[in-house]
Amino acid sequence: MAKAKVIKTEPLEKQLWKAADKLRKNIDAAEYM
């Protein structure tokens, strides 16, 4: 069960990162920091 949750969280994180990239207008992580 725990492994299934981990597998599900990875794509969710990727979706959140994609949304963050859109909000940041695709700024590089180095520039964001």
C-alpha atoms as a PDB file:
ATOM      1  CA  MET A   1       0.000   0.000   0.000  1.00  0.00           C
ATOM      2  CA  ALA A   2       2.752   2.440   0.918  1.00  0.00           C
ATOM      3  CA  LYS A   3       4.579   1.750  -2.332  1.00  0.00           C
ATOM      4  CA  ALA A   4       1.388   2.441  -4.302  1.00  0.00           C
ATOM      5  CA  LYS A   5       1.102   5.843  -2.597  1.00  0.00           C
ATOM      6  CA  VAL A   6       4.702   6.691  -3.466  1.00  0.00           C
ATOM      7  CA  ILE A   7       4.110   5.776  -7.114  1.00  0.00           C
ATOM      8  CA  LYS A   8       1.019   7.987  -7.178  1.00  0.00           C
ATOM      9  CA  THR A   9       2.789  10.958  -5.570  1.00  0.00           C
ATOM     10  CA  GLU A  10       5.534  11.109  -8.217  1.00  0.00           C
ATOM     11  CA  PRO A  11       3.247  12.128 -11.110  1.00  0.00           C
ATOM     12  CA  LEU A  12       1.446  14.529  -8.762  1.00  0.00           C
ATOM     13  CA  GLU A  13       4.756  16.218  -7.948  1.00  0.00           C
ATOM     14  CA  LYS A  14       5.568  16.438 -11.658  1.00  0.00           C
ATOM     15  CA  GLN A  15       2.191  18.076 -12.300  1.00  0.00           C
ATOM     16  CA  LEU A  16       2.837  20.553  -9.487  1.00  0.00           C
ATOM     17  CA  TRP A  17       6.286  21.326 -10.912  1.00  0.00           C
ATOM     18  CA  LYS A  18       4.747  21.874 -14.361  1.00  0.00           C
ATOM     19  CA  ALA A  19       2.168  24.222 -12.842  1.00  0.00           C
ATOM     20  CA  ALA A  20       4.941  26.032 -10.952  1.00  0.00           C
ATOM     21  CA  ASP A  21       6.941  26.344 -14.192  1.00  0.00           C
ATOM     22  CA  LYS A  22       3.923  27.977 -15.868  1.00  0.00           C
ATOM     23  CA  LEU A  23       3.514  30.392 -12.944  1.00  0.00           C
ATOM     24  CA  ARG A  24       7.240  31.182 -12.975  1.00  0.00           C
ATOM     25  CA  LYS A  25       7.152  31.412 -16.778  1.00  0.00           C
ATOM     26  CA  ASN A  26       9.665  28.529 -17.044  1.00  0.00           C
ATOM     27  CA  ILE A  27      12.408  30.192 -14.981  1.00  0.00           C
ATOM     28  CA  ASP A  28      15.377  27.906 -14.292  1.00  0.00           C
ATOM     29  CA  ALA A  29      15.659  26.446 -10.780  1.00  0.00           C
ATOM     30  CA  ALA A  30      19.019  28.216 -10.334  1.00  0.00           C
ATOM     31  CA  GLU A  31      17.422  31.567 -11.138  1.00  0.00           C
ATOM     32  CA  TYR A  32      14.423  30.783  -8.901  1.00  0.00           C
ATOM     33  CA  MET A  33      16.664  30.124  -5.905  1.00  0.00           C
END
